Amino acid sequence: MDNKLKRAELLEKYNNWINKNKKRLIISFIIYVIIISLNLLLLKNNKITILSSLLFFTYAIYVFSLIWFINNKLILNIDSVDFDVK
């Protein structure tokens, strides 16, 4: 019975990681849109546009990779975790 509680706790932790990183991705997208719009309206500097685009897409790839790994590797294999190993 204790293993079921540990598995449920681990599953909750994984889901919290996913939700936290999705929220961070949405916030970074909003910041990205603000940077791009300010740049286009005020500065018209291509280096800022290229750098902010590169940073956002790199972060998006990181978040999607993390979510994929948690869903496909960790959550699917949560039943095979042995909590009794000492």
N, C-alpha and C. Protein backbone atom coordinates (compact mmCIF):
# COMPACT_ATOMS: atom_id res chain seq x y z
N MET A 1 0.82 -1.20 0.00
CA MET A 1 0.00 0.00 0.00
C MET A 1 0.86 1.26 0.00
N ASP A 2 1.99 1.17 0.68
CA ASP A 2 2.89 2.31 0.75
C ASP A 2 3.48 2.64 -0.62
N ASN A 3 3.70 1.60 -1.43
CA ASN A 3 4.24 1.82 -2.78
C ASN A 3 3.25 2.58 -3.65
N LYS A 4 1.96 2.32 -3.47
CA LYS A 4 0.94 3.04 -4.24
C LYS A 4 0.94 4.52 -3.89
N LEU A 5 1.14 4.82 -2.62
CA LEU A 5 1.22 6.22 -2.21
C LEU A 5 2.45 6.89 -2.79
N LYS A 6 3.57 6.19 -2.80
CA LYS A 6 4.80 6.74 -3.37
C LYS A 6 4.66 6.95 -4.87
N ARG A 7 4.02 5.99 -5.55
CA ARG A 7 3.79 6.15 -7.00
C ARG A 7 2.88 7.33 -7.28
N ALA A 8 1.82 7.48 -6.48
CA ALA A 8 0.90 8.60 -6.67
C ALA A 8 1.62 9.93 -6.41
N GLU A 9 2.49 9.95 -5.39
CA GLU A 9 3.26 11.16 -5.10
C GLU A 9 4.22 11.48 -6.24
N LEU A 10 4.86 10.45 -6.79
CA LEU A 10 5.78 10.65 -7.91
C LEU A 10 5.03 11.12 -9.15
N LEU A 11 3.87 10.55 -9.40
CA LEU A 11 3.06 10.97 -10.54
C LEU A 11 2.60 12.42 -10.38
N GLU A 12 2.24 12.80 -9.17
CA GLU A 12 1.85 14.19 -8.91
C GLU A 12 3.03 15.13 -9.13
N LYS A 13 4.22 14.71 -8.72
CA LYS A 13 5.41 15.53 -8.92
C LYS A 13 5.70 15.72 -10.41
N TYR A 14 5.59 14.65 -11.19
CA TYR A 14 5.80 14.75 -12.64
C TYR A 14 4.79 15.70 -13.28
N ASN A 15 3.53 15.57 -12.89
CA ASN A 15 2.50 16.44 -13.45
C ASN A 15 2.72 17.89 -13.04
N ASN A 16 3.22 18.12 -11.83
CA ASN A 16 3.54 19.48 -11.40
C ASN A 16 4.68 20.06 -12.23
N TRP A 17 5.69 19.24 -12.55
CA TRP A 17 6.79 19.70 -13.41
C TRP A 17 6.25 20.12 -14.77
N ILE A 18 5.37 19.31 -15.32
CA ILE A 18 4.80 19.62 -16.64
C ILE A 18 4.02 20.93 -16.58
N ASN A 19 3.16 21.08 -15.59
CA ASN A 19 2.36 22.30 -15.48
C ASN A 19 3.23 23.53 -15.25
N LYS A 20 4.25 23.41 -14.40
CA LYS A 20 5.14 24.54 -14.13
C LYS A 20 5.87 24.97 -15.40
N ASN A 21 6.34 24.02 -16.17
CA ASN A 21 7.08 24.36 -17.39
C ASN A 21 6.16 24.88 -18.49
N LYS A 22 4.91 24.42 -18.53
CA LYS A 22 3.96 24.99 -19.49
C LYS A 22 3.67 26.45 -19.15
N LYS A 23 3.53 26.74 -17.87
CA LYS A 23 3.30 28.13 -17.45
C LYS A 23 4.51 29.00 -17.79
N ARG A 24 5.70 28.49 -17.57
CA ARG A 24 6.91 29.25 -17.92
C ARG A 24 6.99 29.49 -19.42
N LEU A 25 6.58 28.50 -20.21
CA LEU A 25 6.59 28.65 -21.67
C LEU A 25 5.61 29.73 -22.11
N ILE A 26 4.44 29.77 -21.50
CA ILE A 26 3.46 30.80 -21.85
C ILE A 26 3.97 32.18 -21.47
N ILE A 27 4.58 32.29 -20.29
CA ILE A 27 5.16 33.57 -19.87
C ILE A 27 6.28 33.99 -20.80
N SER A 28 7.14 33.05 -21.18
CA SER A 28 8.24 33.42 -22.08
C SER A 28 7.70 33.80 -23.46
N PHE A 29 6.61 33.19 -23.90
CA PHE A 29 6.01 33.57 -25.18
C PHE A 29 5.47 35.00 -25.11
N ILE A 30 4.84 35.34 -24.00
CA ILE A 30 4.32 36.71 -23.83
C ILE A 30 5.47 37.71 -23.84
N ILE A 31 6.55 37.39 -23.13
CA ILE A 31 7.72 38.28 -23.13
C ILE A 31 8.31 38.38 -24.52
N TYR A 32 8.37 37.26 -25.24
CA TYR A 32 8.88 37.26 -26.60
C TYR A 32 8.05 38.17 -27.51
N VAL A 33 6.73 38.08 -27.41
CA VAL A 33 5.86 38.92 -28.23
C VAL A 33 6.05 40.40 -27.87
N ILE A 34 6.21 40.70 -26.60
CA ILE A 34 6.44 42.09 -26.18
C ILE A 34 7.76 42.60 -26.75
N ILE A 35 8.81 41.79 -26.66
CA ILE A 35 10.12 42.21 -27.19
C ILE A 35 10.04 42.44 -28.69
N ILE A 36 9.41 41.53 -29.41
CA ILE A 36 9.31 41.67 -30.86
C ILE A 36 8.49 42.90 -31.23
N SER A 37 7.37 43.11 -30.54
CA SER A 37 6.53 44.26 -30.89
C SER A 37 7.23 45.59 -30.55
N LEU A 38 7.89 45.67 -29.41
CA LEU A 38 8.63 46.89 -29.08
C LEU A 38 9.77 47.13 -30.07
N ASN A 39 10.42 46.07 -30.46
CA ASN A 39 11.51 46.19 -31.42
C ASN A 39 10.99 46.68 -32.77
N LEU A 40 9.90 46.13 -33.22
CA LEU A 40 9.36 46.54 -34.52
C LEU A 40 8.82 47.97 -34.49
N LEU A 41 8.23 48.35 -33.37
CA LEU A 41 7.65 49.70 -33.29
C LEU A 41 8.68 50.79 -33.01
N LEU A 42 9.65 50.49 -32.16
CA LEU A 42 10.55 51.55 -31.71
C LEU A 42 11.97 51.44 -32.27
N LEU A 43 12.58 50.28 -32.13
CA LEU A 43 14.01 50.18 -32.42
C LEU A 43 14.32 49.78 -33.86
N LYS A 44 13.55 48.87 -34.38
CA LYS A 44 13.78 48.33 -35.74
C LYS A 44 15.21 47.79 -35.89
N ASN A 45 15.61 46.99 -34.89
CA ASN A 45 16.93 46.39 -34.88
C ASN A 45 16.80 44.89 -35.15
N ASN A 46 17.39 44.42 -36.24
CA ASN A 46 17.27 43.00 -36.60
C ASN A 46 18.01 42.08 -35.65
N LYS A 47 19.07 42.56 -35.01
CA LYS A 47 19.82 41.70 -34.09
C LYS A 47 18.99 41.31 -32.87
N ILE A 48 18.18 42.24 -32.39
CA ILE A 48 17.31 41.95 -31.25
C ILE A 48 16.25 40.93 -31.66
N THR A 49 15.70 41.08 -32.84
CA THR A 49 14.68 40.15 -33.33
C THR A 49 15.26 38.75 -33.48
N ILE A 50 16.42 38.65 -34.07
CA ILE A 50 17.05 37.35 -34.28
C ILE A 50 17.43 36.71 -32.95
N LEU A 51 18.00 37.47 -32.04
CA LEU A 51 18.41 36.93 -30.75
C LEU A 51 17.22 36.49 -29.92
N SER A 52 16.18 37.31 -29.85
CA SER A 52 15.01 36.93 -29.06
C SER A 52 14.30 35.73 -29.67
N SER A 53 14.26 35.64 -30.99
CA SER A 53 13.66 34.48 -31.64
C SER A 53 14.45 33.22 -31.34
N LEU A 54 15.75 33.32 -31.42
CA LEU A 54 16.61 32.17 -31.13
C LEU A 54 16.45 31.71 -29.68
N LEU A 55 16.43 32.65 -28.76
CA LEU A 55 16.26 32.29 -27.35
C LEU A 55 14.90 31.66 -27.08
N PHE A 56 13.85 32.23 -27.65
CA PHE A 56 12.52 31.68 -27.42
C PHE A 56 12.40 30.27 -27.99
N PHE A 57 12.84 30.07 -29.22
CA PHE A 57 12.69 28.76 -29.83
C PHE A 57 13.58 27.72 -29.15
N THR A 58 14.74 28.11 -28.66
CA THR A 58 15.58 27.19 -27.90
C THR A 58 14.87 26.79 -26.62
N TYR A 59 14.28 27.75 -25.93
CA TYR A 59 13.55 27.43 -24.70
C TYR A 59 12.32 26.59 -25.00
N ALA A 60 11.63 26.85 -26.09
CA ALA A 60 10.46 26.05 -26.46
C ALA A 60 10.85 24.61 -26.74
N ILE A 61 11.96 24.41 -27.43
CA ILE A 61 12.44 23.05 -27.70
C ILE A 61 12.78 22.35 -26.39
N TYR A 62 13.41 23.07 -25.47
CA TYR A 62 13.74 22.49 -24.16
C TYR A 62 12.47 22.07 -23.43
N VAL A 63 11.46 22.93 -23.38
CA VAL A 63 10.24 22.61 -22.64
C VAL A 63 9.50 21.44 -23.29
N PHE A 64 9.37 21.46 -24.61
CA PHE A 64 8.68 20.35 -25.27
C PHE A 64 9.44 19.04 -25.11
N SER A 65 10.76 19.09 -25.12
CA SER A 65 11.55 17.88 -24.89
C SER A 65 11.36 17.36 -23.48
N LEU A 66 11.33 18.26 -22.51
CA LEU A 66 11.12 17.87 -21.12
C LEU A 66 9.74 17.25 -20.94
N ILE A 67 8.72 17.86 -21.50
CA ILE A 67 7.36 17.32 -21.39
C ILE A 67 7.27 15.97 -22.08
N TRP A 68 7.88 15.82 -23.25
CA TRP A 68 7.86 14.54 -23.95
C TRP A 68 8.56 13.47 -23.11
N PHE A 69 9.72 13.80 -22.55
CA PHE A 69 10.46 12.83 -21.75
C PHE A 69 9.66 12.41 -20.52
N ILE A 70 9.04 13.36 -19.84
CA ILE A 70 8.27 13.03 -18.64
C ILE A 70 7.08 12.15 -19.01
N ASN A 71 6.37 12.50 -20.08
CA ASN A 71 5.20 11.71 -20.47
C ASN A 71 5.57 10.33 -20.98
N ASN A 72 6.58 10.25 -21.84
CA ASN A 72 6.87 8.98 -22.52
C ASN A 72 7.85 8.08 -21.79
N LYS A 73 8.69 8.62 -20.97
CA LYS A 73 9.68 7.78 -20.30
C LYS A 73 9.39 7.60 -18.81
N LEU A 74 9.00 8.66 -18.14
CA LEU A 74 8.83 8.57 -16.69
C LEU A 74 7.44 8.11 -16.29
N ILE A 75 6.40 8.76 -16.82
CA ILE A 75 5.04 8.42 -16.41
C ILE A 75 4.64 7.03 -16.92
N LEU A 76 5.03 6.68 -18.13
CA LEU A 76 4.67 5.36 -18.65
C LEU A 76 5.36 4.24 -17.89
N ASN A 77 6.52 4.50 -17.32
CA ASN A 77 7.27 3.47 -16.61
C ASN A 77 7.15 3.59 -15.10
N ILE A 78 6.18 4.33 -14.62
CA ILE A 78 6.06 4.55 -13.19
C ILE A 78 5.67 3.28 -12.45
N ASP A 79 4.98 2.36 -13.12
CA ASP A 79 4.59 1.11 -12.47
C ASP A 79 5.75 0.17 -12.27
N SER A 80 6.82 0.34 -13.02
CA SER A 80 7.99 -0.55 -12.89
C SER A 80 9.01 -0.04 -11.89
N VAL A 81 8.73 1.08 -11.23
CA VAL A 81 9.65 1.62 -10.23
C VAL A 81 9.56 0.79 -8.97
N ASP A 82 10.71 0.36 -8.45
CA ASP A 82 10.76 -0.42 -7.22
C ASP A 82 11.21 0.48 -6.09
N PHE A 83 10.31 0.75 -5.17
CA PHE A 83 10.62 1.65 -4.05
C PHE A 83 11.24 0.91 -2.87
N ASP A 84 11.32 -0.40 -2.94
CA ASP A 84 11.84 -1.18 -1.81
C ASP A 84 13.33 -1.45 -1.88
N VAL A 85 14.02 -0.95 -2.90
CA VAL A 85 15.44 -1.19 -3.05
C VAL A 85 16.20 -0.43 -1.98
N LYS A 86 17.14 -1.14 -1.33
CA LYS A 86 17.91 -0.51 -0.26
C LYS A 86 19.38 -0.63 -0.52
